[in-house]
PDB file of N, CA and C in Angstrom:
ATOM      1  N   MET A   1       0.838  -1.181   0.000  1.00  0.00           N
ATOM      2  CA  MET A   1       0.000   0.000   0.000  1.00  0.00           C
ATOM      3  C   MET A   1       0.880   1.241   0.000  1.00  0.00           C
ATOM      4  N   ALA A   2       0.637   2.130  -0.933  1.00  0.00           N
ATOM      5  CA  ALA A   2       1.364   3.396  -0.970  1.00  0.00           C
ATOM      6  C   ALA A   2       0.580   4.433  -0.178  1.00  0.00           C
ATOM      7  N   ALA A   3       1.231   5.036   0.799  1.00  0.00           N
ATOM      8  CA  ALA A   3       0.566   6.048   1.625  1.00  0.00           C
ATOM      9  C   ALA A   3       0.676   7.410   0.954  1.00  0.00           C
ATOM     10  N   ASN A   4      -0.466   7.998   0.649  1.00  0.00           N
ATOM     11  CA  ASN A   4      -0.507   9.335   0.089  1.00  0.00           C
ATOM     12  C   ASN A   4      -0.928  10.357   1.134  1.00  0.00           C
ATOM     13  N   VAL A   5      -1.486   9.877   2.240  1.00  0.00           N
ATOM     14  CA  VAL A   5      -1.942  10.728   3.334  1.00  0.00           C
ATOM     15  C   VAL A   5      -1.474  10.107   4.641  1.00  0.00           C
ATOM     16  N   ILE A   6      -0.941  10.944   5.513  1.00  0.00           N
ATOM     17  CA  ILE A   6      -0.572  10.504   6.855  1.00  0.00           C
ATOM     18  C   ILE A   6      -1.340  11.365   7.846  1.00  0.00           C
ATOM     19  N   VAL A   7      -2.010  10.716   8.765  1.00  0.00           N
ATOM     20  CA  VAL A   7      -2.730  11.412   9.829  1.00  0.00           C
ATOM     21  C   VAL A   7      -2.049  11.046  11.138  1.00  0.00           C
ATOM     22  N   THR A   8      -1.712  12.072  11.927  1.00  0.00           N
ATOM     23  CA  THR A   8      -1.125  11.823  13.244  1.00  0.00           C
ATOM     24  C   THR A   8      -2.055  12.369  14.308  1.00  0.00           C
ATOM     25  N   ILE A   9      -2.156  11.622  15.396  1.00  0.00           N
ATOM     26  CA  ILE A   9      -2.935  12.063  16.558  1.00  0.00           C
ATOM     27  C   ILE A   9      -2.008  11.946  17.758  1.00  0.00           C
ATOM     28  N   SER A  10      -1.665  13.095  18.340  1.00  0.00           N
ATOM     29  CA  SER A  10      -0.732  13.148  19.468  1.00  0.00           C
ATOM     30  C   SER A  10      -1.492  13.483  20.742  1.00  0.00           C
ATOM     31  N   TYR A  11      -1.093  12.827  21.834  1.00  0.00           N
ATOM     32  CA  TYR A  11      -1.780  13.085  23.099  1.00  0.00           C
ATOM     33  C   TYR A  11      -0.977  12.526  24.263  1.00  0.00           C
ATOM     34  N   PRO A  12      -1.234  13.069  25.459  1.00  0.00           N
ATOM     35  CA  PRO A  12      -0.660  12.482  26.675  1.00  0.00           C
ATOM     36  C   PRO A  12      -1.625  11.461  27.253  1.00  0.00           C
ATOM     37  N   VAL A  13      -1.061  10.442  27.862  1.00  0.00           N
ATOM     38  CA  VAL A  13      -1.830   9.408  28.548  1.00  0.00           C
ATOM     39  C   VAL A  13      -1.716   9.667  30.047  1.00  0.00           C
ATOM     40  N   LYS A  14      -2.786   9.412  30.773  1.00  0.00           N
ATOM     41  CA  LYS A  14      -2.742   9.559  32.228  1.00  0.00           C
ATOM     42  C   LYS A  14      -1.622   8.676  32.775  1.00  0.00           C
ATOM     43  N   LEU A  15      -0.760   9.258  33.595  1.00  0.00           N
ATOM     44  CA  LEU A  15       0.415   8.531  34.079  1.00  0.00           C
ATOM     45  C   LEU A  15       0.064   7.199  34.729  1.00  0.00           C
ATOM     46  N   ALA A  16      -1.007   7.159  35.472  1.00  0.00           N
ATOM     47  CA  ALA A  16      -1.389   5.936  36.164  1.00  0.00           C
ATOM     48  C   ALA A  16      -1.903   4.858  35.207  1.00  0.00           C
ATOM     49  N   LYS A  17      -2.152   5.233  33.944  1.00  0.00           N
ATOM     50  CA  LYS A  17      -2.742   4.286  33.000  1.00  0.00           C
ATOM     51  C   LYS A  17      -1.839   3.959  31.816  1.00  0.00           C
ATOM     52  N   VAL A  18      -0.564   4.340  31.880  1.00  0.00           N
ATOM     53  CA  VAL A  18       0.337   4.112  30.750  1.00  0.00           C
ATOM     54  C   VAL A  18       0.462   2.627  30.416  1.00  0.00           C
ATOM     55  N   ALA A  19       0.660   1.777  31.399  1.00  0.00           N
ATOM     56  CA  ALA A  19       0.822   0.336  31.139  1.00  0.00           C
ATOM     57  C   ALA A  19      -0.436  -0.247  30.504  1.00  0.00           C
ATOM     58  N   ALA A  20      -1.592   0.104  31.030  1.00  0.00           N
ATOM     59  CA  ALA A  20      -2.857  -0.382  30.471  1.00  0.00           C
ATOM     60  C   ALA A  20      -3.036   0.144  29.045  1.00  0.00           C
ATOM     61  N   TYR A  21      -2.703   1.410  28.849  1.00  0.00           N
ATOM     62  CA  TYR A  21      -2.816   2.011  27.520  1.00  0.00           C
ATOM     63  C   TYR A  21      -1.972   1.242  26.499  1.00  0.00           C
ATOM     64  N   GLN A  22      -0.737   0.926  26.860  1.00  0.00           N
ATOM     65  CA  GLN A  22       0.154   0.254  25.919  1.00  0.00           C
ATOM     66  C   GLN A  22      -0.396  -1.106  25.483  1.00  0.00           C
ATOM     67  N   LYS A  23      -0.973  -1.844  26.397  1.00  0.00           N
ATOM     68  CA  LYS A  23      -1.570  -3.134  26.045  1.00  0.00           C
ATOM     69  C   LYS A  23      -2.775  -2.954  25.121  1.00  0.00           C
ATOM     70  N   LEU A  24      -3.625  -1.988  25.461  1.00  0.00           N
ATOM     71  CA  LEU A  24      -4.808  -1.722  24.638  1.00  0.00           C
ATOM     72  C   LEU A  24      -4.414  -1.207  23.256  1.00  0.00           C
ATOM     73  N   ALA A  25      -3.412  -0.327  23.200  1.00  0.00           N
ATOM     74  CA  ALA A  25      -2.971   0.247  21.934  1.00  0.00           C
ATOM     75  C   ALA A  25      -2.416  -0.834  21.005  1.00  0.00           C
ATOM     76  N   GLU A  26      -1.706  -1.779  21.572  1.00  0.00           N
ATOM     77  CA  GLU A  26      -1.181  -2.886  20.764  1.00  0.00           C
ATOM     78  C   GLU A  26      -2.332  -3.698  20.170  1.00  0.00           C
ATOM     79  N   GLN A  27      -3.356  -3.970  20.972  1.00  0.00           N
ATOM     80  CA  GLN A  27      -4.525  -4.713  20.486  1.00  0.00           C
ATOM     81  C   GLN A  27      -5.257  -3.922  19.402  1.00  0.00           C
ATOM     82  N   PHE A  28      -5.385  -2.606  19.615  1.00  0.00           N
ATOM     83  CA  PHE A  28      -6.070  -1.743  18.652  1.00  0.00           C
ATOM     84  C   PHE A  28      -5.334  -1.743  17.312  1.00  0.00           C
ATOM     85  N   ALA A  29      -4.018  -1.518  17.347  1.00  0.00           N
ATOM     86  CA  ALA A  29      -3.236  -1.482  16.106  1.00  0.00           C
ATOM     87  C   ALA A  29      -3.332  -2.820  15.363  1.00  0.00           C
ATOM     88  N   ARG A  30      -3.253  -3.902  16.100  1.00  0.00           N
ATOM     89  CA  ARG A  30      -3.345  -5.233  15.483  1.00  0.00           C
ATOM     90  C   ARG A  30      -4.727  -5.426  14.835  1.00  0.00           C
ATOM     91  N   ALA A  31      -5.781  -4.990  15.521  1.00  0.00           N
ATOM     92  CA  ALA A  31      -7.145  -5.128  14.989  1.00  0.00           C
ATOM     93  C   ALA A  31      -7.326  -4.316  13.713  1.00  0.00           C
ATOM     94  N   VAL A  32      -6.858  -3.076  13.722  1.00  0.00           N
ATOM     95  CA  VAL A  32      -7.004  -2.229  12.534  1.00  0.00           C
ATOM     96  C   VAL A  32      -6.180  -2.786  11.380  1.00  0.00           C
ATOM     97  N   ASN A  33      -4.934  -3.105  11.643  1.00  0.00           N
ATOM     98  CA  ASN A  33      -4.047  -3.551  10.567  1.00  0.00           C
ATOM     99  C   ASN A  33      -4.465  -4.896   9.970  1.00  0.00           C
ATOM    100  N   SER A  34      -5.122  -5.729  10.754  1.00  0.00           N
ATOM    101  CA  SER A  34      -5.551  -7.023  10.220  1.00  0.00           C
ATOM    102  C   SER A  34      -6.866  -6.927   9.448  1.00  0.00           C
ATOM    103  N   SER A  35      -7.587  -5.811   9.613  1.00  0.00           N
ATOM    104  CA  SER A  35      -8.892  -5.694   8.961  1.00  0.00           C
ATOM    105  C   SER A  35      -8.946  -4.636   7.863  1.00  0.00           C
ATOM    106  N   GLN A  36      -7.875  -3.886   7.678  1.00  0.00           N
ATOM    107  CA  GLN A  36      -7.878  -2.784   6.713  1.00  0.00           C
ATOM    108  C   GLN A  36      -6.815  -2.979   5.643  1.00  0.00           C
ATOM    109  N   GLU A  37      -7.143  -2.566   4.431  1.00  0.00           N
ATOM    110  CA  GLU A  37      -6.153  -2.577   3.359  1.00  0.00           C
ATOM    111  C   GLU A  37      -5.710  -1.168   3.006  1.00  0.00           C
ATOM    112  N   ALA A  38      -6.569  -0.183   3.205  1.00  0.00           N
ATOM    113  CA  ALA A  38      -6.267   1.186   2.787  1.00  0.00           C
ATOM    114  C   ALA A  38      -5.664   2.035   3.898  1.00  0.00           C
ATOM    115  N   VAL A  39      -5.571   1.474   5.115  1.00  0.00           N
ATOM    116  CA  VAL A  39      -5.030   2.212   6.262  1.00  0.00           C
ATOM    117  C   VAL A  39      -4.146   1.279   7.076  1.00  0.00           C
ATOM    118  N   ARG A  40      -2.981   1.791   7.471  1.00  0.00           N
ATOM    119  CA  ARG A  40      -2.090   1.088   8.403  1.00  0.00           C
ATOM    120  C   ARG A  40      -1.888   2.016   9.590  1.00  0.00           C
ATOM    121  N   VAL A  41      -1.926   1.477  10.787  1.00  0.00           N
ATOM    122  CA  VAL A  41      -1.715   2.303  11.979  1.00  0.00           C
ATOM    123  C   VAL A  41      -0.511   1.782  12.755  1.00  0.00           C
ATOM    124  N   SER A  42       0.258   2.737  13.264  1.00  0.00           N
ATOM    125  CA  SER A  42       1.372   2.458  14.168  1.00  0.00           C
ATOM    126  C   SER A  42       1.251   3.428  15.327  1.00  0.00           C
ATOM    127  N   ILE A  43       1.700   3.011  16.485  1.00  0.00           N
ATOM    128  CA  ILE A  43       1.630   3.891  17.654  1.00  0.00           C
ATOM    129  C   ILE A  43       3.038   4.032  18.215  1.00  0.00           C
ATOM    130  N   TYR A  44       3.450   5.281  18.388  1.00  0.00           N
ATOM    131  CA  TYR A  44       4.799   5.600  18.832  1.00  0.00           C
ATOM    132  C   TYR A  44       4.766   6.262  20.198  1.00  0.00           C
ATOM    133  N   ALA A  45       5.803   5.991  20.978  1.00  0.00           N
ATOM    134  CA  ALA A  45       5.961   6.605  22.303  1.00  0.00           C
ATOM    135  C   ALA A  45       7.115   7.596  22.242  1.00  0.00           C
ATOM    136  N   SER A  46       6.976   8.666  22.978  1.00  0.00           N
ATOM    137  CA  SER A  46       8.031   9.680  23.051  1.00  0.00           C
ATOM    138  C   SER A  46       9.204   9.159  23.874  1.00  0.00           C
ATOM    139  N   ASP A  47      10.399   9.513  23.460  1.00  0.00           N
ATOM    140  CA  ASP A  47      11.591   9.194  24.251  1.00  0.00           C
ATOM    141  C   ASP A  47      11.774  10.189  25.396  1.00  0.00           C
ATOM    142  N   GLU A  48      11.149  11.361  25.274  1.00  0.00           N
ATOM    143  CA  GLU A  48      11.321  12.408  26.285  1.00  0.00           C
ATOM    144  C   GLU A  48      10.285  12.363  27.401  1.00  0.00           C
ATOM    145  N   LYS A  49       9.054  11.992  27.063  1.00  0.00           N
ATOM    146  CA  LYS A  49       7.970  11.983  28.060  1.00  0.00           C
ATOM    147  C   LYS A  49       7.342  10.596  28.100  1.00  0.00           C
ATOM    148  N   ALA A  50       7.322  10.010  29.270  1.00  0.00           N
ATOM    149  CA  ALA A  50       6.840   8.629  29.428  1.00  0.00           C
ATOM    150  C   ALA A  50       5.373   8.453  29.049  1.00  0.00           C
ATOM    151  N   ASN A  51       4.609   9.539  29.057  1.00  0.00           N
ATOM    152  CA  ASN A  51       3.180   9.410  28.794  1.00  0.00           C
ATOM    153  C   ASN A  51       2.736  10.067  27.488  1.00  0.00           C
ATOM    154  N   ALA A  52       3.675  10.391  26.603  1.00  0.00           N
ATOM    155  CA  ALA A  52       3.325  11.030  25.325  1.00  0.00           C
ATOM    156  C   ALA A  52       3.343   9.992  24.206  1.00  0.00           C
ATOM    157  N   PHE A  53       2.241   9.932  23.455  1.00  0.00           N
ATOM    158  CA  PHE A  53       2.097   8.954  22.382  1.00  0.00           C
ATOM    159  C   PHE A  53       1.570   9.619  21.121  1.00  0.00           C
ATOM    160  N   VAL A  54       1.874   8.985  19.982  1.00  0.00           N
ATOM    161  CA  VAL A  54       1.392   9.468  18.692  1.00  0.00           C
ATOM    162  C   VAL A  54       0.884   8.268  17.899  1.00  0.00           C
ATOM    163  N   GLU A  55      -0.351   8.370  17.434  1.00  0.00           N
ATOM    164  CA  GLU A  55      -0.899   7.389  16.510  1.00  0.00           C
ATOM    165  C   GLU A  55      -0.586   7.897  15.103  1.00  0.00           C
ATOM    166  N   VAL A  56      -0.047   7.038  14.255  1.00  0.00           N
ATOM    167  CA  VAL A  56       0.272   7.406  12.882  1.00  0.00           C
ATOM    168  C   VAL A  56      -0.535   6.501  11.955  1.00  0.00           C
ATOM    169  N   TYR A  57      -1.396   7.130  11.170  1.00  0.00           N
ATOM    170  CA  TYR A  57      -2.227   6.403  10.213  1.00  0.00           C
ATOM    171  C   TYR A  57      -1.689   6.681   8.813  1.00  0.00           C
ATOM    172  N   GLU A  58      -1.248   5.641   8.122  1.00  0.00           N
ATOM    173  CA  GLU A  58      -0.797   5.758   6.737  1.00  0.00           C
ATOM    174  C   GLU A  58      -1.953   5.331   5.855  1.00  0.00           C
ATOM    175  N   CYS A  59      -2.415   6.255   5.022  1.00  0.00           N
ATOM    176  CA  CYS A  59      -3.653   6.037   4.273  1.00  0.00           C
ATOM    177  C   CYS A  59      -3.428   6.214   2.772  1.00  0.00           C
ATOM    178  N   THR A  60      -4.226   5.511   1.984  1.00  0.00           N
ATOM    179  CA  THR A  60      -4.148   5.683   0.538  1.00  0.00           C
ATOM    180  C   THR A  60      -4.695   7.043   0.123  1.00  0.00           C
ATOM    181  N   ASN A  61      -5.708   7.540   0.851  1.00  0.00           N
ATOM    182  CA  ASN A  61      -6.291   8.856   0.564  1.00  0.00           C
ATOM    183  C   ASN A  61      -7.044   9.352   1.803  1.00  0.00           C
ATOM    184  N   ASN A  62      -7.537  10.590   1.742  1.00  0.00           N
ATOM    185  CA  ASN A  62      -8.257  11.172   2.885  1.00  0.00           C
ATOM    186  C   ASN A  62      -9.515  10.381   3.224  1.00  0.00           C
ATOM    187  N   GLU A  63     -10.204   9.919   2.207  1.00  0.00           N
ATOM    188  CA  GLU A  63     -11.458   9.202   2.434  1.00  0.00           C
ATOM    189  C   GLU A  63     -11.239   7.912   3.218  1.00  0.00           C
ATOM    190  N   SER A  64     -10.121   7.234   2.971  1.00  0.00           N
ATOM    191  CA  SER A  64      -9.877   5.976   3.682  1.00  0.00           C
ATOM    192  C   SER A  64      -9.749   6.202   5.187  1.00  0.00           C
ATOM    193  N   PHE A  65      -9.186   7.346   5.584  1.00  0.00           N
ATOM    194  CA  PHE A  65      -9.126   7.648   7.016  1.00  0.00           C
ATOM    195  C   PHE A  65     -10.492   8.092   7.522  1.00  0.00           C
ATOM    196  N   ASP A  66     -11.177   8.932   6.744  1.00  0.00           N
ATOM    197  CA  ASP A  66     -12.482   9.452   7.167  1.00  0.00           C
ATOM    198  C   ASP A  66     -13.508   8.350   7.387  1.00  0.00           C
ATOM    199  N   THR A  67     -13.415   7.273   6.644  1.00  0.00           N
ATOM    200  CA  THR A  67     -14.392   6.182   6.764  1.00  0.00           C
ATOM    201  C   THR A  67     -13.891   5.036   7.637  1.00  0.00           C
ATOM    202  N   LEU A  68     -12.690   5.179   8.185  1.00  0.00           N
ATOM    203  CA  LEU A  68     -12.095   4.097   8.968  1.00  0.00           C
ATOM    204  C   LEU A  68     -12.976   3.669  10.137  1.00  0.00           C
ATOM    205  N   GLU A  69     -13.436   4.628  10.905  1.00  0.00           N
ATOM    206  CA  GLU A  69     -14.216   4.300  12.098  1.00  0.00           C
ATOM    207  C   GLU A  69     -15.508   3.561  11.758  1.00  0.00           C
ATOM    208  N   ASP A  70     -16.084   3.857  10.601  1.00  0.00           N
ATOM    209  CA  ASP A  70     -17.316   3.175  10.187  1.00  0.00           C
ATOM    210  C   ASP A  70     -17.105   1.678   9.982  1.00  0.00           C
ATOM    211  N   SER A  71     -15.864   1.283   9.717  1.00  0.00           N
ATOM    212  CA  SER A  71     -15.592  -0.129   9.431  1.00  0.00           C
ATOM    213  C   SER A  71     -15.207  -0.937  10.667  1.00  0.00           C
ATOM    214  N   TYR A  72     -15.097  -0.278  11.827  1.00  0.00           N
ATOM    215  CA  TYR A  72     -14.705  -1.000  13.042  1.00  0.00           C
ATOM    216  C   TYR A  72     -15.794  -1.960  13.492  1.00  0.00           C
ATOM    217  N   ASP A  73     -15.360  -3.131  13.955  1.00  0.00           N
ATOM    218  CA  ASP A  73     -16.309  -4.058  14.549  1.00  0.00           C
ATOM    219  C   ASP A  73     -16.518  -3.690  16.025  1.00  0.00           C
ATOM    220  N   GLU A  74     -17.377  -4.421  16.697  1.00  0.00           N
ATOM    221  CA  GLU A  74     -17.719  -4.098  18.087  1.00  0.00           C
ATOM    222  C   GLU A  74     -16.502  -4.176  19.013  1.00  0.00           C
ATOM    223  N   THR A  75     -15.648  -5.152  18.796  1.00  0.00           N
ATOM    224  CA  THR A  75     -14.449  -5.302  19.623  1.00  0.00           C
ATOM    225  C   THR A  75     -13.533  -4.095  19.480  1.00  0.00           C
ATOM    226  N   THR A  76     -13.362  -3.615  18.254  1.00  0.00           N
ATOM    227  CA  THR A  76     -12.507  -2.446  18.021  1.00  0.00           C
ATOM    228  C   THR A  76     -13.122  -1.206  18.644  1.00  0.00           C
ATOM    229  N   HIS A  77     -14.438  -1.063  18.549  1.00  0.00           N
ATOM    230  CA  HIS A  77     -15.114   0.062  19.210  1.00  0.00           C
ATOM    231  C   HIS A  77     -14.892   0.002  20.724  1.00  0.00           C
ATOM    232  N   ASP A  78     -14.968  -1.179  21.296  1.00  0.00           N
ATOM    233  CA  ASP A  78     -14.733  -1.330  22.735  1.00  0.00           C
ATOM    234  C   ASP A  78     -13.300  -0.949  23.100  1.00  0.00           C
ATOM    235  N   LEU A  79     -12.344  -1.289  22.246  1.00  0.00           N
ATOM    236  CA  LEU A  79     -10.953  -0.892  22.487  1.00  0.00           C
ATOM    237  C   LEU A  79     -10.802   0.624  22.469  1.00  0.00           C
ATOM    238  N   ILE A  80     -11.496   1.288  21.555  1.00  0.00           N
ATOM    239  CA  ILE A  80     -11.423   2.751  21.476  1.00  0.00           C
ATOM    240  C   ILE A  80     -11.967   3.388  22.750  1.00  0.00           C
ATOM    241  N   VAL A  81     -13.052   2.854  23.263  1.00  0.00           N
ATOM    242  CA  VAL A  81     -13.628   3.376  24.510  1.00  0.00           C
ATOM    243  C   VAL A  81     -12.638   3.200  25.664  1.00  0.00           C
ATOM    244  N   ALA A  82     -12.017   2.024  25.736  1.00  0.00           N
ATOM    245  CA  ALA A  82     -11.040   1.765  26.797  1.00  0.00           C
ATOM    246  C   ALA A  82      -9.810   2.655  26.643  1.00  0.00           C
ATOM    247  N   LEU A  83      -9.355   2.861  25.412  1.00  0.00           N
ATOM    248  CA  LEU A  83      -8.209   3.750  25.171  1.00  0.00           C
ATOM    249  C   LEU A  83      -8.538   5.189  25.566  1.00  0.00           C
ATOM    250  N   ALA A  84      -9.731   5.630  25.230  1.00  0.00           N
ATOM    251  CA  ALA A  84     -10.141   7.004  25.551  1.00  0.00           C
ATOM    252  C   ALA A  84     -10.116   7.249  27.053  1.00  0.00           C
ATOM    253  N   ASP A  85     -10.400   6.228  27.833  1.00  0.00           N
ATOM    254  CA  ASP A  85     -10.367   6.355  29.288  1.00  0.00           C
ATOM    255  C   ASP A  85      -8.945   6.578  29.805  1.00  0.00           C
ATOM    256  N   CYS A  86      -7.950   6.184  29.028  1.00  0.00           N
ATOM    257  CA  CYS A  86      -6.548   6.326  29.432  1.00  0.00           C
ATOM    258  C   CYS A  86      -5.951   7.671  29.018  1.00  0.00           C
ATOM    259  N   VAL A  87      -6.557   8.304  28.028  1.00  0.00           N
ATOM    260  CA  VAL A  87      -5.979   9.501  27.414  1.00  0.00           C
ATOM    261  C   VAL A  87      -6.470  10.762  28.101  1.00  0.00           C
ATOM    262  N   GLU A  88      -5.525  11.708  28.289  1.00  0.00           N
ATOM    263  CA  GLU A  88      -5.915  13.024  28.770  1.00  0.00           C
ATOM    264  C   GLU A  88      -6.634  13.759  27.647  1.00  0.00           C
ATOM    265  N   ASP A  89      -7.309  14.838  27.976  1.00  0.00           N
ATOM    266  CA  ASP A  89      -8.189  15.507  27.024  1.00  0.00           C
ATOM    267  C   ASP A  89      -7.503  16.149  25.822  1.00  0.00           C
ATOM    268  N   ARG A  90      -6.287  16.624  25.971  1.00  0.00           N
ATOM    269  CA  ARG A  90      -5.636  17.375  24.894  1.00  0.00           C
ATOM    270  C   ARG A  90      -5.143  16.439  23.796  1.00  0.00           C
ATOM    271  N   GLN A  91      -5.665  16.649  22.589  1.00  0.00           N
ATOM    272  CA  GLN A  91      -5.204  15.874  21.437  1.00  0.00           C
ATOM    273  C   GLN A  91      -4.889  16.829  20.295  1.00  0.00           C
ATOM    274  N   VAL A  92      -3.848  16.513  19.537  1.00  0.00           N
ATOM    275  CA  VAL A  92      -3.491  17.309  18.373  1.00  0.00           C
ATOM    276  C   VAL A  92      -3.549  16.383  17.164  1.00  0.00           C
ATOM    277  N   VAL A  93      -4.380  16.757  16.184  1.00  0.00           N
ATOM    278  CA  VAL A  93      -4.527  15.958  14.974  1.00  0.00           C
ATOM    279  C   VAL A  93      -3.924  16.735  13.813  1.00  0.00           C
ATOM    280  N   ARG A  94      -3.080  16.047  13.039  1.00  0.00           N
ATOM    281  CA  ARG A  94      -2.467  16.658  11.859  1.00  0.00           C
ATOM    282  C   ARG A  94      -2.686  15.719  10.675  1.00  0.00           C
ATOM    283  N   THR A  95      -2.997  16.315   9.525  1.00  0.00           N
ATOM    284  CA  THR A  95      -3.115  15.559   8.292  1.00  0.00           C
ATOM    285  C   THR A  95      -2.067  16.069   7.324  1.00  0.00           C
ATOM    286  N   LEU A  96      -1.279  15.147   6.790  1.00  0.00           N
ATOM    287  CA  LEU A  96      -0.214  15.480   5.853  1.00  0.00           C
ATOM    288  C   LEU A  96      -0.499  14.759   4.540  1.00  0.00           C
ATOM    289  N   THR A  97      -0.458  15.503   3.442  1.00  0.00           N
ATOM    290  CA  THR A  97      -0.741  14.938   2.128  1.00  0.00           C
ATOM    291  C   THR A  97       0.521  14.951   1.280  1.00  0.00           C
ATOM    292  N   LYS A  98       0.792  13.832   0.650  1.00  0.00           N
ATOM    293  CA  LYS A  98       1.977  13.696  -0.188  1.00  0.00           C
ATOM    294  C   LYS A  98       1.856  14.650  -1.381  1.00  0.00           C
ATOM    295  N   ARG A  99       2.851  15.480  -1.557  1.00  0.00           N
ATOM    296  CA  ARG A  99       2.829  16.456  -2.654  1.00  0.00           C
ATOM    297  C   ARG A  99       3.975  16.231  -3.638  1.00  0.00           C
ATOM    298  N   ILE A 100       4.994  15.538  -3.199  1.00  0.00           N
ATOM    299  CA  ILE A 100       6.190  15.369  -4.031  1.00  0.00           C
ATOM    300  C   ILE A 100       6.390  13.896  -4.335  1.00  0.00           C
TER     301      ILE A 100
END
């Protein structure tokens, strides 16, 4: 899959929930990557802050990311709810489109 669009979502995780978050995030990434062809997700941790994480979605186009959530099964939706409980409120979303 050639990624023409990259979407990043950066956020801090509640310090008391970092370990739980990491387990859930691994399950989430595995679920998305095994069920999607137009989107690949990876989750990165900051080397500077123990609770800073970035989700990186590599997408074929903007629409593939926009419709991603519609394709989640019940288990993946449950993972998102559990992940949201671990994340602090501040999130930064960036969309980057391949131009060159």
